[in-house]
Amino acid sequence: MTNRTIIQYFEWYVSGNHVLWNKCIAQAPRLKEFGITDVWLPPAYKSGFSEDNVGYAVYDMYDLGEFDQKGTVKTKYGSREEYQQAIKAFHDNDIKVLADIVLNHRMGADEFEDVKAVNVEPWNRNQQCSEEKTISAATVFNFPGRNGKYSDFKWSAKHFTGVDWDNYSKSHGSIYRFCGKQWAQDVDHEMGNFDFLMGADVDVNNPDVYAELINWGKWYIDFTDIDGYRMDAVKHLSSEFTRKWIEEMRKYKKPDALAIGEYWSGNLQDLLNYLNAVGHSMSLFDVPLHFRIRDMSYADGNYDMSKLLDDTLLSSCPDNAITFVDNHDSQPGQSLESFVNVWMKQVAYALILLHENGIPCIFYGDLYGIPYTRNIPIPRLRTLVRVRHDYAYGKQNNYIDDYNVIGWTREGDEEHPNSGIAVLLSDKHDGRKRMYVGKQFAGKCFRDCMRKIREDVIIDNEGFGEFTVQGFSSAVWVTEEAYENLIINED
């Protein structure tokens, strides 16, 4: 069994000149070469606004860059044909494709219509704060540019629960719930009820909507041959609906499809409650771990690393944990900004990539850099992915017992030649630990493939080695044979 590693293949400010799908085609062999097994692509459907929109302002989920709608044929990332070619390129290189699924809302309606509605308090959406009134709601989606191809379903007010814009009053910051509608109850309870997020809120409890979203999902699988799903904003969607949608997709095709939910909460219990609600049918991004890494990166060594994994999915529910360092929402300038300090990035990636638990997801912006905010690529990130893919196997022995220096070893296995590693991480000073890698390595030489520690470590007859790490740094020790292979193939 090969270790799985996901890459999120976009960042918020990635170039908007329709080239990403072609970059995917060009880079697929390289991604396979250094150990990527899964790629998460951005929303591929037409946005309700400019062609440079990242894709979460969903207009038409059947338009993957094929129709002249909203002032463009192509999406930010390219054409429908290029998208399909990108997926094929990944499949040709044994990389599975995760599609970004945005079912919660629609934006950029074709027409307004009169709807009876009431205002609700933005900070408590259960609290009505106006009398019933008529608003002009952006809820008519006819998709004239597509002209019924793939689906003749047309959206109107009856398919939504509320909006955040009245074209009569043109008031900003208001939330309107349609009369005769209620927010879904099995959602996050932040803001009283967090069903509403933005735009026109999709009523997934409407039978016609439910049927349409199931039909769309099956069409999307057939049309694109995707392998799994990154489910956007699941804290705003009915958990029962989300569970059923995933169940229906797996029944239809690819029963082992990976499904990952984005539930943005640093509270572990929120995530555990959600996993229970969906019957553990999906994994979740380990947001609590992300926040712990972020906090440690700004603590200047005053963070207890021995407690770094406490109250995280990685430690509490590892089979459902998707670990990450940063993503498009956490990067600078975004609403959920919580970017990890750059010095900590390599340490953080060593943690999530080389630990035995969880499936790690690396970030496009950390692999290639983010020109918009002048963030450089993280050194040796490709090397860390390769170590995970080729050598991070076998029993794990933990040495997570110090305030500033933690570590672990993996003893390797017979299935993966030269496997077996030792890892040390520091958030302050230089450190040293005597760690067990296994008697099978007695007399063997281990080297730091982060190339910061020059001295070799020779494993003693009892299977222990004296491993070291520089301050504010990571050291990843592999066998001499593995080291030579990594250096030969290093960028």
Protein backbone atom coordinates (compact mmCIF):
# COMPACT_ATOMS: atom_id res chain seq x y z
CA MET A 1 0.00 0.00 0.00
CA THR A 2 1.44 3.37 -1.05
CA ASN A 3 1.03 6.43 1.12
CA ARG A 4 -1.49 8.87 -0.27
CA THR A 5 -0.69 12.58 -0.74
CA ILE A 6 -3.10 15.21 -2.07
CA ILE A 7 -2.16 18.53 -3.64
CA GLN A 8 -4.58 21.45 -3.74
CA TYR A 9 -3.74 22.60 -7.26
CA PHE A 10 -4.67 26.27 -7.01
CA GLU A 11 -4.41 29.28 -4.73
CA TRP A 12 -6.70 32.30 -4.50
CA TYR A 13 -4.56 34.58 -6.65
CA VAL A 14 -3.47 32.04 -9.25
CA SER A 15 -3.19 33.55 -12.74
CA GLY A 16 -6.59 34.24 -14.29
CA ASN A 17 -5.63 33.98 -17.95
CA HIS A 18 -7.23 30.56 -18.58
CA VAL A 19 -3.99 28.56 -18.26
CA LEU A 20 -4.38 26.38 -15.16
CA TRP A 21 -5.88 23.37 -16.92
CA ASN A 22 -3.02 23.43 -19.42
CA LYS A 23 -0.53 23.69 -16.56
CA CYS A 24 -2.15 20.59 -15.07
CA ILE A 25 -1.59 18.74 -18.34
CA ALA A 26 2.06 19.79 -18.46
CA GLN A 27 2.82 19.11 -14.79
CA ALA A 28 0.98 15.82 -14.25
CA PRO A 29 4.06 13.66 -14.98
CA ARG A 30 6.18 15.76 -12.62
CA LEU A 31 3.61 15.50 -9.83
CA LYS A 32 3.59 11.72 -10.17
CA GLU A 33 7.38 11.67 -10.17
CA PHE A 34 7.72 13.19 -6.72
CA GLY A 35 4.87 11.27 -5.12
CA ILE A 36 1.51 13.01 -5.55
CA THR A 37 -1.37 10.52 -5.67
CA ASP A 38 -4.42 12.82 -5.66
CA VAL A 39 -5.09 16.32 -6.96
CA TRP A 40 -7.85 18.65 -5.75
CA LEU A 41 -8.87 20.97 -8.57
CA PRO A 42 -10.77 24.27 -8.13
CA PRO A 43 -14.46 24.68 -8.98
CA ALA A 44 -14.64 24.14 -12.72
CA TYR A 45 -18.04 25.71 -13.40
CA LYS A 46 -19.00 29.14 -14.67
CA SER A 47 -18.95 31.92 -12.08
CA GLY A 48 -21.73 34.43 -11.67
CA PHE A 49 -19.28 37.30 -11.91
CA SER A 50 -16.00 38.05 -13.69
CA GLU A 51 -14.06 35.41 -15.57
CA ASP A 52 -11.29 35.85 -12.98
CA ASN A 53 -13.50 34.57 -10.15
CA VAL A 54 -12.00 31.64 -8.25
CA GLY A 55 -15.18 29.64 -8.83
CA TYR A 56 -17.10 29.63 -5.57
CA ALA A 57 -19.60 32.24 -6.81
CA VAL A 58 -21.42 29.49 -8.71
CA TYR A 59 -23.66 30.40 -11.64
CA ASP A 60 -24.07 27.32 -13.88
CA MET A 61 -22.71 23.96 -12.78
CA TYR A 62 -23.24 22.48 -16.24
CA ASP A 63 -21.02 25.10 -17.87
CA LEU A 64 -17.42 23.97 -17.47
CA GLY A 65 -16.09 26.55 -19.88
CA GLU A 66 -18.21 25.62 -22.89
CA PHE A 67 -20.89 28.29 -23.30
CA ASP A 68 -20.83 32.04 -23.83
CA GLN A 69 -22.27 33.10 -20.49
CA LYS A 70 -21.39 35.92 -18.10
CA GLY A 71 -19.20 37.55 -20.71
CA THR A 72 -16.91 34.61 -21.36
CA VAL A 73 -16.78 31.08 -22.70
CA LYS A 74 -13.78 29.88 -20.71
CA THR A 75 -13.64 29.92 -16.92
CA LYS A 76 -10.71 31.43 -15.05
CA TYR A 77 -8.85 28.17 -15.57
CA GLY A 78 -9.61 27.35 -19.20
CA SER A 79 -12.11 25.61 -21.44
CA ARG A 80 -14.27 22.54 -20.91
CA GLU A 81 -12.07 20.56 -23.32
CA GLU A 82 -8.90 21.58 -21.46
CA TYR A 83 -10.47 20.58 -18.14
CA GLN A 84 -11.32 17.13 -19.45
CA GLN A 85 -7.83 16.80 -20.94
CA ALA A 86 -6.30 17.76 -17.59
CA ILE A 87 -8.26 15.02 -15.82
CA LYS A 88 -7.13 12.51 -18.45
CA ALA A 89 -3.51 13.63 -18.01
CA PHE A 90 -3.74 13.00 -14.28
CA HIS A 91 -5.32 9.59 -14.84
CA ASP A 92 -2.59 8.72 -17.34
CA ASN A 93 -0.14 9.39 -14.50
CA ASP A 94 -2.06 7.36 -11.90
CA ILE A 95 -3.25 10.47 -10.06
CA LYS A 96 -6.85 10.62 -8.83
CA VAL A 97 -8.84 13.82 -9.29
CA LEU A 98 -10.96 15.41 -6.57
CA ALA A 99 -13.55 17.90 -7.83
CA ASP A 100 -14.52 20.93 -5.76
CA ILE A 101 -18.28 20.56 -5.18
CA VAL A 102 -20.17 23.77 -4.33
CA LEU A 103 -23.84 23.00 -3.67
CA ASN A 104 -24.74 25.59 -1.04
CA HIS A 105 -25.54 28.69 -3.11
CA ARG A 106 -25.92 30.31 -6.52
CA MET A 107 -24.89 33.78 -7.69
CA GLY A 108 -25.23 35.96 -10.78
CA ALA A 109 -28.90 35.27 -11.56
CA ASP A 110 -30.23 36.05 -15.03
CA GLU A 111 -33.27 37.92 -13.72
CA PHE A 112 -34.83 39.33 -10.55
CA GLU A 113 -38.27 38.35 -9.28
CA ASP A 114 -40.62 39.60 -6.56
CA VAL A 115 -40.57 37.47 -3.43
CA LYS A 116 -42.21 37.83 -0.02
CA ALA A 117 -39.48 37.85 2.61
CA VAL A 118 -38.48 38.99 6.09
CA ASN A 119 -35.19 40.36 7.36
CA VAL A 120 -33.27 38.27 9.88
CA GLU A 121 -30.54 39.44 12.22
CA PRO A 122 -27.11 38.83 10.60
CA TRP A 123 -25.70 37.63 13.94
CA ASN A 124 -28.75 35.47 14.76
CA ARG A 125 -30.44 34.19 11.63
CA ASN A 126 -33.21 32.63 13.76
CA GLN A 127 -34.31 36.12 14.83
CA GLN A 128 -36.77 37.84 12.49
CA CYS A 129 -36.30 41.62 12.56
CA SER A 130 -38.84 42.99 10.08
CA GLU A 131 -42.38 42.58 8.91
CA GLU A 132 -43.12 40.64 5.76
CA LYS A 133 -42.33 42.64 2.63
CA THR A 134 -41.78 42.25 -1.08
CA ILE A 135 -38.17 42.25 -2.26
CA SER A 136 -36.61 41.92 -5.69
CA ALA A 137 -34.51 38.77 -5.42
CA ALA A 138 -31.79 37.49 -7.77
CA THR A 139 -33.23 33.99 -8.05
CA VAL A 140 -34.10 33.42 -11.72
CA PHE A 141 -31.50 31.21 -13.43
CA ASN A 142 -32.49 30.36 -17.00
CA PHE A 143 -28.99 29.85 -18.46
CA PRO A 144 -29.85 31.28 -21.89
CA GLY A 145 -26.33 30.73 -23.19
CA ARG A 146 -26.59 26.98 -22.59
CA ASN A 147 -30.11 26.73 -24.02
CA GLY A 148 -31.07 23.55 -22.19
CA LYS A 149 -28.04 21.45 -23.13
CA TYR A 150 -27.30 18.75 -20.51
CA SER A 151 -30.26 19.88 -18.33
CA ASP A 152 -33.45 21.90 -18.77
CA PHE A 153 -33.78 22.63 -15.04
CA LYS A 154 -34.48 26.32 -14.37
CA TRP A 155 -34.05 27.85 -10.92
CA SER A 156 -36.43 30.32 -9.29
CA ALA A 157 -37.31 31.58 -5.81
CA LYS A 158 -39.06 28.36 -4.82
CA HIS A 159 -35.71 26.58 -5.03
CA PHE A 160 -34.00 28.88 -2.49
CA THR A 161 -34.49 29.77 1.17
CA GLY A 162 -33.12 33.31 1.17
CA VAL A 163 -30.82 35.93 -0.32
CA ASP A 164 -28.55 38.76 0.79
CA TRP A 165 -29.63 41.41 -1.73
CA ASP A 166 -32.85 43.27 -2.46
CA ASN A 167 -32.70 45.04 -5.79
CA TYR A 168 -35.40 47.47 -4.66
CA SER A 169 -33.70 48.81 -1.53
CA LYS A 170 -30.16 47.96 -2.72
CA SER A 171 -29.14 47.49 0.90
CA HIS A 172 -25.84 45.87 1.81
CA GLY A 173 -25.38 43.52 4.78
CA SER A 174 -28.99 42.35 4.98
CA ILE A 175 -30.16 38.74 4.99
CA TYR A 176 -33.67 37.91 3.79
CA ARG A 177 -35.48 34.66 4.52
CA PHE A 178 -38.29 33.87 2.11
CA CYS A 179 -41.74 33.58 3.62
CA GLY A 180 -42.87 29.98 3.88
CA LYS A 181 -39.24 28.80 4.06
CA GLN A 182 -37.06 27.79 7.00
CA TRP A 183 -33.32 27.41 7.30
CA ALA A 184 -32.07 23.83 7.43
CA GLN A 185 -31.73 22.76 11.06
CA ASP A 186 -28.89 20.23 10.75
CA VAL A 187 -26.22 22.88 10.14
CA ASP A 188 -23.67 24.68 12.30
CA HIS A 189 -25.23 26.80 15.06
CA GLU A 190 -22.89 29.75 14.66
CA MET A 191 -24.94 32.91 14.01
CA GLY A 192 -27.88 31.05 15.54
CA ASN A 193 -28.18 29.04 12.33
CA PHE A 194 -25.43 29.03 9.71
CA ASP A 195 -27.42 27.66 6.77
CA PHE A 196 -27.10 30.95 4.91
CA LEU A 197 -23.63 31.83 3.63
CA MET A 198 -23.97 34.04 0.55
CA GLY A 199 -25.89 34.74 -2.64
CA ALA A 200 -29.07 32.74 -3.13
CA ASP A 201 -29.17 29.96 -0.53
CA VAL A 202 -30.10 26.63 -2.13
CA ASP A 203 -33.04 24.83 -0.48
CA VAL A 204 -31.73 21.27 -0.48
CA ASN A 205 -34.91 20.09 1.25
CA ASN A 206 -36.96 20.97 -1.82
CA PRO A 207 -37.64 17.63 -3.60
CA ASP A 208 -37.01 19.11 -7.05
CA VAL A 209 -33.71 20.61 -5.91
CA TYR A 210 -32.65 17.36 -4.28
CA ALA A 211 -33.38 15.42 -7.47
CA GLU A 212 -31.58 17.99 -9.62
CA LEU A 213 -28.43 17.95 -7.48
CA ILE A 214 -28.35 14.16 -7.60
CA ASN A 215 -28.82 14.22 -11.37
CA TRP A 216 -26.13 16.86 -11.76
CA GLY A 217 -23.67 14.81 -9.68
CA LYS A 218 -24.19 11.72 -11.83
CA TRP A 219 -23.83 13.80 -14.99
CA TYR A 220 -20.63 15.35 -13.66
CA ILE A 221 -19.11 11.95 -12.90
CA ASP A 222 -19.96 10.66 -16.38
CA PHE A 223 -18.87 13.84 -18.16
CA THR A 224 -15.54 14.33 -16.39
CA ASP A 225 -14.58 10.95 -14.87
CA ILE A 226 -13.66 12.52 -11.53
CA ASP A 227 -12.61 10.21 -8.69
CA GLY A 228 -13.71 12.02 -5.53
CA TYR A 229 -15.12 15.14 -3.96
CA ARG A 230 -14.00 18.09 -1.90
CA MET A 231 -17.29 19.30 -0.43
CA ASP A 232 -17.34 23.06 0.05
CA ALA A 233 -18.78 24.80 3.12
CA VAL A 234 -20.41 21.72 4.65
CA LYS A 235 -21.16 23.54 7.92
CA HIS A 236 -23.72 25.56 5.90
CA LEU A 237 -25.37 22.52 4.28
CA SER A 238 -27.82 20.04 5.74
CA SER A 239 -25.67 17.19 7.05
CA GLU A 240 -28.40 14.70 6.12
CA PHE A 241 -28.45 15.99 2.55
CA THR A 242 -24.65 15.86 2.30
CA ARG A 243 -24.58 12.28 3.60
CA LYS A 244 -27.25 11.21 1.10
CA TRP A 245 -25.56 12.99 -1.81
CA ILE A 246 -22.25 11.24 -1.18
CA GLU A 247 -24.06 7.93 -0.72
CA GLU A 248 -25.88 8.35 -4.04
CA MET A 249 -22.67 9.22 -5.89
CA ARG A 250 -20.87 6.17 -4.50
CA LYS A 251 -23.81 3.94 -5.38
CA TYR A 252 -23.71 5.27 -8.92
CA LYS A 253 -19.98 4.89 -9.60
CA LYS A 254 -16.65 4.60 -7.80
CA PRO A 255 -17.87 3.25 -4.44
CA ASP A 256 -14.51 3.97 -2.81
CA ALA A 257 -14.47 7.63 -3.87
CA LEU A 258 -12.76 9.86 -1.33
CA ALA A 259 -15.03 12.61 0.01
CA ILE A 260 -13.55 15.47 2.04
CA GLY A 261 -15.61 18.09 3.81
CA GLU A 262 -14.51 21.66 4.48
CA TYR A 263 -15.89 22.37 7.96
CA TRP A 264 -14.05 25.49 9.07
CA SER A 265 -13.90 25.28 12.85
CA GLY A 266 -10.97 25.10 15.23
CA ASN A 267 -13.15 23.28 17.75
CA LEU A 268 -12.50 19.55 17.55
CA GLN A 269 -15.90 18.69 19.01
CA ASP A 270 -17.65 20.50 16.15
CA LEU A 271 -15.85 18.26 13.68
CA LEU A 272 -16.51 15.08 15.66
CA ASN A 273 -20.19 15.96 15.94
CA TYR A 274 -20.37 16.49 12.18
CA LEU A 275 -18.63 13.19 11.43
CA ASN A 276 -21.20 11.45 13.62
CA ALA A 277 -24.02 13.29 11.82
CA VAL A 278 -22.84 12.05 8.41
CA GLY A 279 -22.08 8.55 9.69
CA HIS A 280 -18.33 8.99 9.14
CA SER A 281 -19.06 8.80 5.41
CA MET A 282 -16.44 11.43 4.67
CA SER A 283 -13.19 12.88 5.95
CA LEU A 284 -12.67 16.44 7.14
CA PHE A 285 -9.81 18.88 6.89
CA ASP A 286 -8.05 19.03 10.26
CA VAL A 287 -8.68 22.71 10.92
CA PRO A 288 -7.81 22.43 14.65
CA LEU A 289 -4.33 21.18 13.70
CA HIS A 290 -3.95 24.03 11.21
CA PHE A 291 -4.69 26.57 13.93
CA ARG A 292 -2.25 24.90 16.34
CA ILE A 293 0.49 25.03 13.71
CA ARG A 294 -0.35 28.67 12.98
CA ASP A 295 -0.25 29.58 16.68
CA MET A 296 3.06 27.80 17.18
CA SER A 297 4.58 29.57 14.19
CA TYR A 298 4.06 32.97 15.84
CA ALA A 299 4.92 31.96 19.43
CA ASP A 300 8.70 32.48 19.10
CA GLY A 301 9.43 29.19 20.83
CA ASN A 302 6.92 29.70 23.63
CA TYR A 303 4.60 26.91 22.52
CA ASP A 304 4.54 23.47 24.09
CA MET A 305 5.23 21.19 21.14
CA SER A 306 4.45 18.13 23.22
CA LYS A 307 0.80 19.22 23.08
CA LEU A 308 0.79 20.12 19.38
CA LEU A 309 -1.41 17.19 18.37
CA ASP A 310 -3.84 17.44 21.30
CA ASP A 311 -7.48 18.03 20.37
CA THR A 312 -6.90 17.48 16.65
CA LEU A 313 -8.51 15.08 14.20
CA LEU A 314 -5.07 13.59 13.58
CA SER A 315 -4.96 12.30 17.14
CA SER A 316 -8.68 11.85 17.86
CA CYS A 317 -10.10 10.48 14.60
CA PRO A 318 -7.14 9.72 12.31
CA ASP A 319 -9.11 7.68 9.77
CA ASN A 320 -11.13 10.79 8.90
CA ALA A 321 -8.32 13.37 9.09
CA ILE A 322 -7.09 15.33 6.09
CA THR A 323 -4.14 17.33 7.36
CA PHE A 324 -2.97 20.59 5.79
CA VAL A 325 -0.74 23.57 6.54
CA ASP A 326 -2.52 26.29 4.55
CA ASN A 327 -5.09 26.64 1.78
CA HIS A 328 -6.80 29.25 -0.40
CA ASP A 329 -9.03 30.41 2.46
CA SER A 330 -6.23 30.86 4.99
CA GLN A 331 -3.87 32.81 2.75
CA PRO A 332 -3.36 36.57 3.24
CA GLY A 333 -6.25 38.80 2.24
CA GLN A 334 -8.95 36.14 2.58
CA SER A 335 -11.87 36.06 5.00
CA LEU A 336 -10.42 33.13 6.95
CA GLU A 337 -6.83 34.40 6.87
CA SER A 338 -4.67 32.38 9.24
CA PHE A 339 -1.46 31.91 7.26
CA VAL A 340 1.34 29.95 8.90
CA ASN A 341 4.57 31.89 9.44
CA VAL A 342 6.95 31.05 6.60
CA TRP A 343 9.77 29.78 8.84
CA MET A 344 7.43 27.12 10.21
CA LYS A 345 6.22 25.77 6.88
CA GLN A 346 8.90 23.13 6.35
CA VAL A 347 8.53 21.96 9.96
CA ALA A 348 4.76 21.76 9.51
CA TYR A 349 5.01 19.80 6.27
CA ALA A 350 7.45 17.34 7.84
CA LEU A 351 4.83 16.82 10.54
CA ILE A 352 1.83 16.14 8.31
CA LEU A 353 3.67 14.28 5.55
CA LEU A 354 5.74 11.90 7.67
CA HIS A 355 3.33 11.10 10.49
CA GLU A 356 1.67 7.68 10.23
CA ASN A 357 -1.86 9.07 10.56
CA GLY A 358 -4.06 11.18 8.32
CA ILE A 359 -3.89 11.97 4.61
CA PRO A 360 -1.87 15.15 4.03
CA CYS A 361 -2.79 17.83 1.51
CA ILE A 362 -0.05 20.17 0.32
CA PHE A 363 -0.84 23.65 -1.01
CA TYR A 364 -0.15 24.94 -4.53
CA GLY A 365 1.06 28.24 -3.09
CA ASP A 366 3.65 26.45 -0.96
CA LEU A 367 4.91 24.34 -3.86
CA TYR A 368 5.16 27.10 -6.47
CA GLY A 369 5.04 30.29 -4.39
CA ILE A 370 2.44 33.07 -4.39
CA PRO A 371 3.64 36.05 -6.46
CA TYR A 372 0.68 38.21 -5.37
CA THR A 373 1.89 38.23 -1.76
CA ARG A 374 5.57 37.53 -2.55
CA ASN A 375 5.60 34.15 -0.85
CA ILE A 376 8.39 31.89 -2.07
CA PRO A 377 8.17 28.11 -2.58
CA ILE A 378 8.85 26.09 0.56
CA PRO A 379 12.33 24.51 0.36
CA ARG A 380 12.52 20.72 0.06
CA LEU A 381 8.75 20.29 -0.09
CA ARG A 382 9.08 17.92 -3.03
CA THR A 383 11.70 15.96 -1.10
CA LEU A 384 9.33 15.58 1.86
CA VAL A 385 6.58 14.27 -0.42
CA ARG A 386 9.02 11.77 -1.93
CA VAL A 387 10.13 10.61 1.51
CA ARG A 388 6.48 10.02 2.39
CA HIS A 389 5.80 8.16 -0.84
CA ASP A 390 8.91 5.96 -0.78
CA TYR A 391 10.21 5.62 2.78
CA ALA A 392 7.74 6.66 5.54
CA TYR A 393 6.46 3.19 6.40
CA GLY A 394 6.38 0.76 9.28
CA LYS A 395 5.71 1.04 12.98
CA GLN A 396 5.87 4.56 14.41
CA ASN A 397 7.73 5.24 17.66
CA ASN A 398 6.85 8.59 19.20
CA TYR A 399 9.18 10.93 21.08
CA ILE A 400 6.71 13.77 21.52
CA ASP A 401 7.92 14.53 25.01
CA ASP A 402 9.62 17.93 25.01
CA TYR A 403 8.50 21.57 25.05
CA ASN A 404 10.54 22.61 22.00
CA VAL A 405 11.81 19.47 20.26
CA ILE A 406 9.65 16.51 19.24
CA GLY A 407 10.28 13.52 17.03
CA TRP A 408 9.32 10.04 15.92
CA THR A 409 10.68 7.18 13.86
CA ARG A 410 9.20 4.77 11.35
CA GLU A 411 10.77 1.32 11.32
CA GLY A 412 10.19 0.61 7.62
CA ASP A 413 8.73 -2.52 6.05
CA GLU A 414 9.68 -5.19 3.52
CA GLU A 415 7.33 -3.87 0.85
CA HIS A 416 9.21 -0.58 0.44
CA PRO A 417 12.98 -0.92 -0.12
CA ASN A 418 15.18 1.26 2.12
CA SER A 419 12.14 2.47 4.06
CA GLY A 420 12.50 3.67 7.63
CA ILE A 421 12.99 7.25 8.80
CA ALA A 422 13.67 9.42 11.84
CA VAL A 423 12.14 12.89 12.22
CA LEU A 424 13.02 15.74 14.58
CA LEU A 425 11.21 19.09 14.71
CA SER A 426 12.21 22.20 16.67
CA ASP A 427 10.36 25.46 17.24
CA LYS A 428 13.23 27.13 19.13
CA HIS A 429 16.67 25.67 19.94
CA ASP A 430 18.95 22.95 18.65
CA GLY A 431 17.95 19.52 19.88
CA ARG A 432 19.05 15.93 20.21
CA LYS A 433 17.16 12.69 20.84
CA ARG A 434 18.17 9.08 21.09
CA MET A 435 15.49 7.29 19.09
CA TYR A 436 14.80 3.68 18.12
CA VAL A 437 14.54 2.83 14.42
CA GLY A 438 14.91 -0.95 14.71
CA LYS A 439 17.65 -3.53 15.21
CA GLN A 440 17.49 -4.34 11.50
CA PHE A 441 19.34 -1.05 10.93
CA ALA A 442 22.25 -1.85 13.28
CA GLY A 443 25.46 -0.49 11.77
CA LYS A 444 23.54 1.39 9.08
CA CYS A 445 24.18 5.03 8.22
CA PHE A 446 21.32 7.58 8.32
CA ARG A 447 21.54 11.05 6.74
CA ASP A 448 19.43 14.21 6.98
CA CYS A 449 17.70 14.71 3.63
CA MET A 450 16.80 18.29 4.62
CA ARG A 451 20.58 18.74 4.23
CA LYS A 452 21.05 20.88 7.33
CA ILE A 453 22.87 18.36 9.54
CA ARG A 454 26.08 17.23 7.83
CA GLU A 455 27.15 14.49 10.27
CA ASP A 456 25.93 10.95 9.63
CA VAL A 457 24.19 8.89 12.32
CA ILE A 458 25.25 5.26 12.76
CA ILE A 459 22.62 3.03 14.33
CA ASP A 460 23.90 1.02 17.32
CA ASN A 461 23.42 -2.70 17.94
CA GLU A 462 20.22 -2.05 19.90
CA GLY A 463 18.63 -0.18 16.96
CA PHE A 464 19.03 3.33 18.41
CA GLY A 465 20.58 6.43 16.91
CA GLU A 466 21.54 9.85 18.32
CA PHE A 467 19.66 12.23 16.02
CA THR A 468 19.99 16.02 16.02
CA VAL A 469 18.10 19.02 14.67
CA GLN A 470 18.93 22.70 14.31
CA GLY A 471 16.76 25.28 16.04
CA PHE A 472 13.61 26.53 14.26
CA SER A 473 14.02 23.68 11.80
CA SER A 474 13.30 20.10 10.79
CA ALA A 475 15.62 17.14 10.26
CA VAL A 476 14.48 14.07 8.35
CA TRP A 477 16.85 11.15 8.53
CA VAL A 478 16.79 8.35 5.96
CA THR A 479 19.08 5.45 5.13
CA GLU A 480 22.20 6.18 3.12
CA GLU A 481 20.70 4.38 0.12
CA ALA A 482 17.48 6.38 0.32
CA TYR A 483 19.45 9.60 0.72
CA GLU A 484 21.45 8.98 -2.44
CA ASN A 485 18.28 8.26 -4.38
CA LEU A 486 16.63 11.45 -3.08
CA ILE A 487 19.63 13.63 -3.92
CA ILE A 488 19.93 12.23 -7.44
CA ASN A 489 16.28 13.05 -8.13
CA GLU A 490 16.10 16.33 -6.21
CA ASP A 491 15.18 19.58 -7.99
